[in-house]
Amino acid sequence: MRIVLAEDHFLLRDGLIRLLGAYGHDVVAAVDNGTDLLEALGREQPDVAVVDVRLPPNFTDEGLRAVLAARKENPDLAVLLLSQYVEPLYARELLTSGGRGVGYMLKDRVTNGAQFLDSIQRVAAGGTAMDPEVISQLLVRKERDESVGSLTGREREVLELLAQGRSNAGIAAALFVTEKAVAKHISNIFTKLGLLPTDGDNRRVLAVLTYLDQ
C-alpha cells in the first residue's frame, strides 16, 4: 500500500514510517506541514493519506485543509486523520467532503499496531474507521434532534459500532447478541433517522454520520 504521511513530531513520524514499513507498506512521502502535504498528495496519488490535523505553521487545521483541498481533485482519496483531541467539527468537515474512505483516530487511544494498521487498511478499502469517542461527541452534539433522541440505548450502541466500520457479525460479537437482532436494530435506526438502508456497509455508515453532524 502506498501511503503519504503527515506528522510534525519527528519521533512519531519516524516511528510510523518504521511501523508501516515493517508491515510491507510503502511510505512514499513523509512531510511535516500542510503545504508539503498538499503537494505530496497531488504528486504521489497514494492509496491512503495518514494525516495529523494540526500541522505547522499555525498548528490549527492545516492537515485537514490540505486533504480537503486534495479531495476536491480526487474525491476518492482515502484519509485517516490523527488528532490529540476530540474535534467533532473536523470529523464533520471530512465526512461531508464527499468520496469514500475516511477515518478519525485519537492518538492516545491507539493502543497497538494491529489496531492502527487495521484502521488504515479499512479506510484504504473505502470504509470508515472512527474512534468511538469521536462518534460519542457527534451523537451528543445532535442529541437535541428529535430523531436522534428517539434512538434507544441499544440502537445508539449499534450506531457507534457501525460508525467504527464493523460488520453485522462484528457488532453481534461485541454486544453478545445475534446477527438477526443486529439487523433489526439497524433497520430501526435507519427508519428513525429517515435514511434508506442499503447493502453497502460503507455507504450506510457514511450516510448516518453525515446526517448526525449536519
C-alpha atoms as a PDB file:
ATOM      1  CA  MET A   1       0.000   0.000   0.000  1.00  0.00           C
ATOM      2  CA  ARG A   2       1.308   3.462  -0.915  1.00  0.00           C
ATOM      3  CA  ILE A   3       0.930   5.946   1.935  1.00  0.00           C
ATOM      4  CA  VAL A   4       1.504   9.670   2.327  1.00  0.00           C
ATOM      5  CA  LEU A   5       2.186  10.540   5.968  1.00  0.00           C
ATOM      6  CA  ALA A   6       1.903  13.997   7.536  1.00  0.00           C
ATOM      7  CA  GLU A   7       3.114  14.371  11.125  1.00  0.00           C
ATOM      8  CA  ASP A   8       5.163  17.249  12.529  1.00  0.00           C
ATOM      9  CA  HIS A   9       6.579  15.395  15.537  1.00  0.00           C
ATOM     10  CA  PHE A  10       9.847  13.823  14.363  1.00  0.00           C
ATOM     11  CA  LEU A  11       9.877  10.806  16.675  1.00  0.00           C
ATOM     12  CA  LEU A  12       6.264   9.904  15.953  1.00  0.00           C
ATOM     13  CA  ARG A  13       6.731  10.399  12.215  1.00  0.00           C
ATOM     14  CA  ASP A  14       9.846   8.236  12.190  1.00  0.00           C
ATOM     15  CA  GLY A  15       8.127   5.590  14.298  1.00  0.00           C
ATOM     16  CA  LEU A  16       5.140   5.451  11.946  1.00  0.00           C
ATOM     17  CA  ILE A  17       7.402   5.117   8.917  1.00  0.00           C
ATOM     18  CA  ARG A  18       9.165   2.176  10.559  1.00  0.00           C
ATOM     19  CA  LEU A  19       5.908   0.538  11.658  1.00  0.00           C
ATOM     20  CA  LEU A  20       4.288   0.833   8.245  1.00  0.00           C
ATOM     21  CA  GLY A  21       7.424  -0.367   6.503  1.00  0.00           C
ATOM     22  CA  ALA A  22       7.658  -3.386   8.796  1.00  0.00           C
ATOM     23  CA  TYR A  23       4.220  -4.458   7.617  1.00  0.00           C
ATOM     24  CA  GLY A  24       5.097  -4.123   3.956  1.00  0.00           C
ATOM     25  CA  HIS A  25       3.624  -0.687   3.270  1.00  0.00           C
ATOM     26  CA  ASP A  26       5.435   1.996   1.298  1.00  0.00           C
ATOM     27  CA  VAL A  27       5.514   5.497   2.782  1.00  0.00           C
ATOM     28  CA  VAL A  28       6.028   7.364  -0.484  1.00  0.00           C
ATOM     29  CA  ALA A  29       6.174  10.772   1.230  1.00  0.00           C
ATOM     30  CA  ALA A  30       6.534  11.858   4.859  1.00  0.00           C
ATOM     31  CA  VAL A  31       6.023  15.575   5.487  1.00  0.00           C
ATOM     32  CA  ASP A  32       5.650  17.889   8.459  1.00  0.00           C
ATOM     33  CA  ASN A  33       3.493  20.755   7.162  1.00  0.00           C
ATOM     34  CA  GLY A  34       0.309  21.409   5.222  1.00  0.00           C
ATOM     35  CA  THR A  35       1.906  22.941   2.149  1.00  0.00           C
ATOM     36  CA  ASP A  36       4.196  19.964   1.545  1.00  0.00           C
ATOM     37  CA  LEU A  37       1.305  17.607   2.284  1.00  0.00           C
ATOM     38  CA  LEU A  38      -0.915  19.057  -0.430  1.00  0.00           C
ATOM     39  CA  GLU A  39       1.945  18.907  -2.928  1.00  0.00           C
ATOM     40  CA  ALA A  40       2.749  15.292  -1.995  1.00  0.00           C
ATOM     41  CA  LEU A  41      -0.880  14.192  -2.314  1.00  0.00           C
ATOM     42  CA  GLY A  42      -1.104  15.634  -5.825  1.00  0.00           C
ATOM     43  CA  ARG A  43       2.241  14.180  -6.866  1.00  0.00           C
ATOM     44  CA  GLU A  44       2.038  10.705  -5.354  1.00  0.00           C
ATOM     45  CA  GLN A  45      -1.695   9.878  -5.614  1.00  0.00           C
ATOM     46  CA  PRO A  46      -1.412   7.497  -2.619  1.00  0.00           C
ATOM     47  CA  ASP A  47      -3.733   4.669  -1.619  1.00  0.00           C
ATOM     48  CA  VAL A  48      -4.302   6.442   1.680  1.00  0.00           C
ATOM     49  CA  ALA A  49      -3.157   9.584   3.489  1.00  0.00           C
ATOM     50  CA  VAL A  50      -2.421   9.409   7.223  1.00  0.00           C
ATOM     51  CA  VAL A  51      -2.570  12.982   8.439  1.00  0.00           C
ATOM     52  CA  ASP A  52      -2.193  14.880  11.690  1.00  0.00           C
ATOM     53  CA  VAL A  53      -4.951  17.504  11.827  1.00  0.00           C
ATOM     54  CA  ARG A  54      -2.717  20.207  13.260  1.00  0.00           C
ATOM     55  CA  LEU A  55       0.442  20.973  11.308  1.00  0.00           C
ATOM     56  CA  PRO A  56       2.852  23.935  11.014  1.00  0.00           C
ATOM     57  CA  PRO A  57       2.928  26.819  10.642  1.00  0.00           C
ATOM     58  CA  ASN A  58      -0.164  27.635  12.695  1.00  0.00           C
ATOM     59  CA  PHE A  59      -0.946  24.272  14.292  1.00  0.00           C
ATOM     60  CA  THR A  60      -4.702  24.706  13.779  1.00  0.00           C
ATOM     61  CA  ASP A  61      -6.195  22.696  10.928  1.00  0.00           C
ATOM     62  CA  GLU A  62      -3.542  22.760   8.211  1.00  0.00           C
ATOM     63  CA  GLY A  63      -3.577  18.972   7.782  1.00  0.00           C
ATOM     64  CA  LEU A  64      -7.344  18.857   7.391  1.00  0.00           C
ATOM     65  CA  ARG A  65      -7.363  21.767   4.945  1.00  0.00           C
ATOM     66  CA  ALA A  66      -4.745  20.078   2.783  1.00  0.00           C
ATOM     67  CA  VAL A  67      -6.681  16.803   2.497  1.00  0.00           C
ATOM     68  CA  LEU A  68      -9.961  18.620   1.836  1.00  0.00           C
ATOM     69  CA  ALA A  69      -8.283  20.529  -0.994  1.00  0.00           C
ATOM     70  CA  ALA A  70      -6.815  17.294  -2.361  1.00  0.00           C
ATOM     71  CA  ARG A  71     -10.212  15.566  -2.238  1.00  0.00           C
ATOM     72  CA  LYS A  72     -11.650  18.273  -4.471  1.00  0.00           C
ATOM     73  CA  GLU A  73      -9.326  16.995  -7.180  1.00  0.00           C
ATOM     74  CA  ASN A  74      -9.578  13.341  -6.129  1.00  0.00           C
ATOM     75  CA  PRO A  75     -12.849  12.711  -4.232  1.00  0.00           C
ATOM     76  CA  ASP A  76     -11.923   9.093  -3.553  1.00  0.00           C
ATOM     77  CA  LEU A  77      -8.687   9.930  -1.758  1.00  0.00           C
ATOM     78  CA  ALA A  78      -8.746   7.804   1.407  1.00  0.00           C
ATOM     79  CA  VAL A  79      -7.873   9.804   4.522  1.00  0.00           C
ATOM     80  CA  LEU A  80      -7.179   8.784   8.109  1.00  0.00           C
ATOM     81  CA  LEU A  81      -6.970  11.820  10.374  1.00  0.00           C
ATOM     82  CA  LEU A  82      -4.959  11.685  13.585  1.00  0.00           C
ATOM     83  CA  SER A  83      -5.550  14.082  16.453  1.00  0.00           C
ATOM     84  CA  GLN A  84      -4.651  14.601  20.077  1.00  0.00           C
ATOM     85  CA  TYR A  85      -8.158  15.813  20.869  1.00  0.00           C
ATOM     86  CA  VAL A  86     -11.790  15.145  20.013  1.00  0.00           C
ATOM     87  CA  GLU A  87     -12.683  17.785  17.447  1.00  0.00           C
ATOM     88  CA  PRO A  88     -16.159  16.987  16.034  1.00  0.00           C
ATOM     89  CA  LEU A  89     -16.008  19.934  13.659  1.00  0.00           C
ATOM     90  CA  TYR A  90     -13.067  18.363  11.826  1.00  0.00           C
ATOM     91  CA  ALA A  91     -14.833  14.993  11.681  1.00  0.00           C
ATOM     92  CA  ARG A  92     -17.879  16.667  10.179  1.00  0.00           C
ATOM     93  CA  GLU A  93     -15.859  18.524   7.557  1.00  0.00           C
ATOM     94  CA  LEU A  94     -14.138  15.353   6.436  1.00  0.00           C
ATOM     95  CA  LEU A  95     -17.324  13.278   6.407  1.00  0.00           C
ATOM     96  CA  THR A  96     -19.266  15.818   4.391  1.00  0.00           C
ATOM     97  CA  SER A  97     -16.471  16.365   1.847  1.00  0.00           C
ATOM     98  CA  GLY A  98     -17.749  13.513  -0.333  1.00  0.00           C
ATOM     99  CA  GLY A  99     -15.931  10.444  -1.528  1.00  0.00           C
ATOM    100  CA  ARG A 100     -15.201   7.228   0.319  1.00  0.00           C
ATOM    101  CA  GLY A 101     -12.617   6.033   2.791  1.00  0.00           C
ATOM    102  CA  VAL A 102     -12.493   8.241   5.896  1.00  0.00           C
ATOM    103  CA  GLY A 103     -11.192   7.790   9.410  1.00  0.00           C
ATOM    104  CA  TYR A 104     -10.598   9.821  12.538  1.00  0.00           C
ATOM    105  CA  MET A 105      -8.443   8.367  15.314  1.00  0.00           C
ATOM    106  CA  LEU A 106      -7.254   9.834  18.596  1.00  0.00           C
ATOM    107  CA  LYS A 107      -3.515   9.328  19.049  1.00  0.00           C
ATOM    108  CA  ASP A 108      -3.675   8.496  22.740  1.00  0.00           C
ATOM    109  CA  ARG A 109      -6.316   5.827  22.163  1.00  0.00           C
ATOM    110  CA  VAL A 110      -4.369   3.862  19.550  1.00  0.00           C
ATOM    111  CA  THR A 111      -3.122   1.096  21.831  1.00  0.00           C
ATOM    112  CA  ASN A 112      -1.426  -1.320  19.425  1.00  0.00           C
ATOM    113  CA  GLY A 113      -0.020  -1.594  15.921  1.00  0.00           C
ATOM    114  CA  ALA A 114      -2.575  -4.118  14.722  1.00  0.00           C
ATOM    115  CA  GLN A 115      -5.433  -1.760  15.603  1.00  0.00           C
ATOM    116  CA  PHE A 116      -3.805   1.124  13.781  1.00  0.00           C
ATOM    117  CA  LEU A 117      -2.945  -0.910  10.688  1.00  0.00           C
ATOM    118  CA  ASP A 118      -6.460  -2.352  10.556  1.00  0.00           C
ATOM    119  CA  SER A 119      -7.852   1.207  10.559  1.00  0.00           C
ATOM    120  CA  ILE A 120      -5.556   2.224   7.700  1.00  0.00           C
ATOM    121  CA  GLN A 121      -6.488  -0.822   5.631  1.00  0.00           C
ATOM    122  CA  ARG A 122     -10.190  -0.312   6.254  1.00  0.00           C
ATOM    123  CA  VAL A 123     -10.008   3.323   5.141  1.00  0.00           C
ATOM    124  CA  ALA A 124      -7.890   2.494   2.102  1.00  0.00           C
ATOM    125  CA  ALA A 125     -10.553  -0.049   1.066  1.00  0.00           C
ATOM    126  CA  GLY A 126     -13.191   2.698   1.104  1.00  0.00           C
ATOM    127  CA  GLY A 127     -14.529   2.047   4.599  1.00  0.00           C
ATOM    128  CA  THR A 128     -14.604   4.028   7.819  1.00  0.00           C
ATOM    129  CA  ALA A 129     -12.530   3.951  10.989  1.00  0.00           C
ATOM    130  CA  MET A 130     -13.946   6.346  13.546  1.00  0.00           C
ATOM    131  CA  ASP A 131     -12.767   6.473  17.141  1.00  0.00           C
ATOM    132  CA  PRO A 132     -15.707   5.655  19.467  1.00  0.00           C
ATOM    133  CA  GLU A 133     -15.055   8.858  21.431  1.00  0.00           C
ATOM    134  CA  VAL A 134     -15.447  10.940  18.272  1.00  0.00           C
ATOM    135  CA  ILE A 135     -18.722   9.175  17.482  1.00  0.00           C
ATOM    136  CA  SER A 136     -19.970   9.817  21.001  1.00  0.00           C
ATOM    137  CA  GLN A 137     -19.226  13.517  20.601  1.00  0.00           C
ATOM    138  CA  LEU A 138     -21.119  13.620  17.295  1.00  0.00           C
ATOM    139  CA  LEU A 139     -24.102  11.935  18.896  1.00  0.00           C
ATOM    140  CA  VAL A 140     -24.086  14.297  21.858  1.00  0.00           C
ATOM    141  CA  ARG A 141     -23.974  17.325  19.549  1.00  0.00           C
ATOM    142  CA  LYS A 142     -27.123  16.063  17.804  1.00  0.00           C
ATOM    143  CA  GLU A 143     -28.922  14.869  20.934  1.00  0.00           C
ATOM    144  CA  ARG A 144     -31.405  17.708  20.722  1.00  0.00           C
ATOM    145  CA  ASP A 145     -32.503  16.456  17.321  1.00  0.00           C
ATOM    146  CA  GLU A 146     -35.769  14.589  17.908  1.00  0.00           C
ATOM    147  CA  SER A 147     -34.898  11.741  15.525  1.00  0.00           C
ATOM    148  CA  VAL A 148     -31.548  11.041  17.201  1.00  0.00           C
ATOM    149  CA  GLY A 149     -33.088  11.398  20.632  1.00  0.00           C
ATOM    150  CA  SER A 150     -35.613   8.715  19.722  1.00  0.00           C
ATOM    151  CA  LEU A 151     -32.906   6.053  19.450  1.00  0.00           C
ATOM    152  CA  THR A 152     -32.831   3.514  22.260  1.00  0.00           C
ATOM    153  CA  GLY A 153     -29.677   2.878  24.238  1.00  0.00           C
ATOM    154  CA  ARG A 154     -29.035  -0.335  22.327  1.00  0.00           C
ATOM    155  CA  GLU A 155     -29.600   1.404  18.980  1.00  0.00           C
ATOM    156  CA  ARG A 156     -27.040   4.045  19.941  1.00  0.00           C
ATOM    157  CA  GLU A 157     -24.550   1.303  20.746  1.00  0.00           C
ATOM    158  CA  VAL A 158     -25.187  -0.326  17.379  1.00  0.00           C
ATOM    159  CA  LEU A 159     -24.830   3.035  15.614  1.00  0.00           C
ATOM    160  CA  GLU A 160     -21.489   3.715  17.264  1.00  0.00           C
ATOM    161  CA  LEU A 161     -20.190   0.280  16.248  1.00  0.00           C
ATOM    162  CA  LEU A 162     -21.472   0.820  12.715  1.00  0.00           C
ATOM    163  CA  ALA A 163     -19.564   4.073  12.591  1.00  0.00           C
ATOM    164  CA  GLN A 164     -16.388   2.230  13.516  1.00  0.00           C
ATOM    165  CA  GLY A 165     -16.830   0.189  10.347  1.00  0.00           C
ATOM    166  CA  ARG A 166     -17.847  -3.088  11.989  1.00  0.00           C
ATOM    167  CA  SER A 167     -19.859  -5.707  10.141  1.00  0.00           C
ATOM    168  CA  ASN A 168     -23.127  -7.105  11.474  1.00  0.00           C
ATOM    169  CA  ALA A 169     -21.212 -10.134  12.724  1.00  0.00           C
ATOM    170  CA  GLY A 170     -18.675  -7.899  14.455  1.00  0.00           C
ATOM    171  CA  ILE A 171     -21.413  -5.872  16.136  1.00  0.00           C
ATOM    172  CA  ALA A 172     -23.187  -9.041  17.257  1.00  0.00           C
ATOM    173  CA  ALA A 173     -19.985 -10.360  18.809  1.00  0.00           C
ATOM    174  CA  ALA A 174     -19.255  -7.054  20.581  1.00  0.00           C
ATOM    175  CA  LEU A 175     -22.759  -6.814  22.049  1.00  0.00           C
ATOM    176  CA  PHE A 176     -23.277 -10.546  22.651  1.00  0.00           C
ATOM    177  CA  VAL A 177     -26.451 -10.655  20.577  1.00  0.00           C
ATOM    178  CA  THR A 178     -27.456 -12.452  17.384  1.00  0.00           C
ATOM    179  CA  GLU A 179     -26.850 -11.084  13.905  1.00  0.00           C
ATOM    180  CA  LYS A 180     -30.616 -11.156  13.415  1.00  0.00           C
ATOM    181  CA  ALA A 181     -31.024  -8.798  16.375  1.00  0.00           C
ATOM    182  CA  VAL A 182     -28.329  -6.502  14.957  1.00  0.00           C
ATOM    183  CA  ALA A 183     -30.081  -6.393  11.583  1.00  0.00           C
ATOM    184  CA  LYS A 184     -33.323  -5.421  13.305  1.00  0.00           C
ATOM    185  CA  HIS A 185     -31.619  -2.636  15.267  1.00  0.00           C
ATOM    186  CA  ILE A 186     -30.007  -1.293  12.090  1.00  0.00           C
ATOM    187  CA  SER A 187     -33.356  -1.286  10.318  1.00  0.00           C
ATOM    188  CA  ASN A 188     -34.897   0.641  13.218  1.00  0.00           C
ATOM    189  CA  ILE A 189     -32.029   3.145  13.199  1.00  0.00           C
ATOM    190  CA  PHE A 190     -32.446   3.941   9.525  1.00  0.00           C
ATOM    191  CA  THR A 191     -36.194   4.244   9.914  1.00  0.00           C
ATOM    192  CA  LYS A 192     -35.874   6.684  12.820  1.00  0.00           C
ATOM    193  CA  LEU A 193     -33.214   8.732  11.053  1.00  0.00           C
ATOM    194  CA  GLY A 194     -35.182   8.820   7.811  1.00  0.00           C
ATOM    195  CA  LEU A 195     -32.415   7.066   5.884  1.00  0.00           C
ATOM    196  CA  LEU A 196     -32.923   4.275   3.383  1.00  0.00           C
ATOM    197  CA  PRO A 197     -30.884   1.175   4.258  1.00  0.00           C
ATOM    198  CA  THR A 198     -28.515  -0.185   1.618  1.00  0.00           C
ATOM    199  CA  ASP A 199     -26.480  -3.329   1.195  1.00  0.00           C
ATOM    200  CA  GLY A 200     -23.246  -1.330   1.307  1.00  0.00           C
ATOM    201  CA  ASP A 201     -21.927  -1.051   4.872  1.00  0.00           C
ATOM    202  CA  ASN A 202     -19.566   1.799   3.979  1.00  0.00           C
ATOM    203  CA  ARG A 203     -22.265   3.868   2.313  1.00  0.00           C
ATOM    204  CA  ARG A 204     -24.737   3.421   5.136  1.00  0.00           C
ATOM    205  CA  VAL A 205     -22.152   4.367   7.769  1.00  0.00           C
ATOM    206  CA  LEU A 206     -21.178   7.495   5.885  1.00  0.00           C
ATOM    207  CA  ALA A 207     -24.836   8.406   5.386  1.00  0.00           C
ATOM    208  CA  VAL A 208     -25.577   8.061   9.094  1.00  0.00           C
ATOM    209  CA  LEU A 209     -22.523  10.026  10.177  1.00  0.00           C
ATOM    210  CA  THR A 210     -23.181  12.789   7.674  1.00  0.00           C
ATOM    211  CA  TYR A 211     -26.750  13.058   8.881  1.00  0.00           C
ATOM    212  CA  LEU A 212     -25.716  13.127  12.529  1.00  0.00           C
ATOM    213  CA  ASP A 213     -23.429  16.120  12.175  1.00  0.00           C
ATOM    214  CA  GLN A 214     -25.211  18.260   9.577  1.00  0.00           C
END
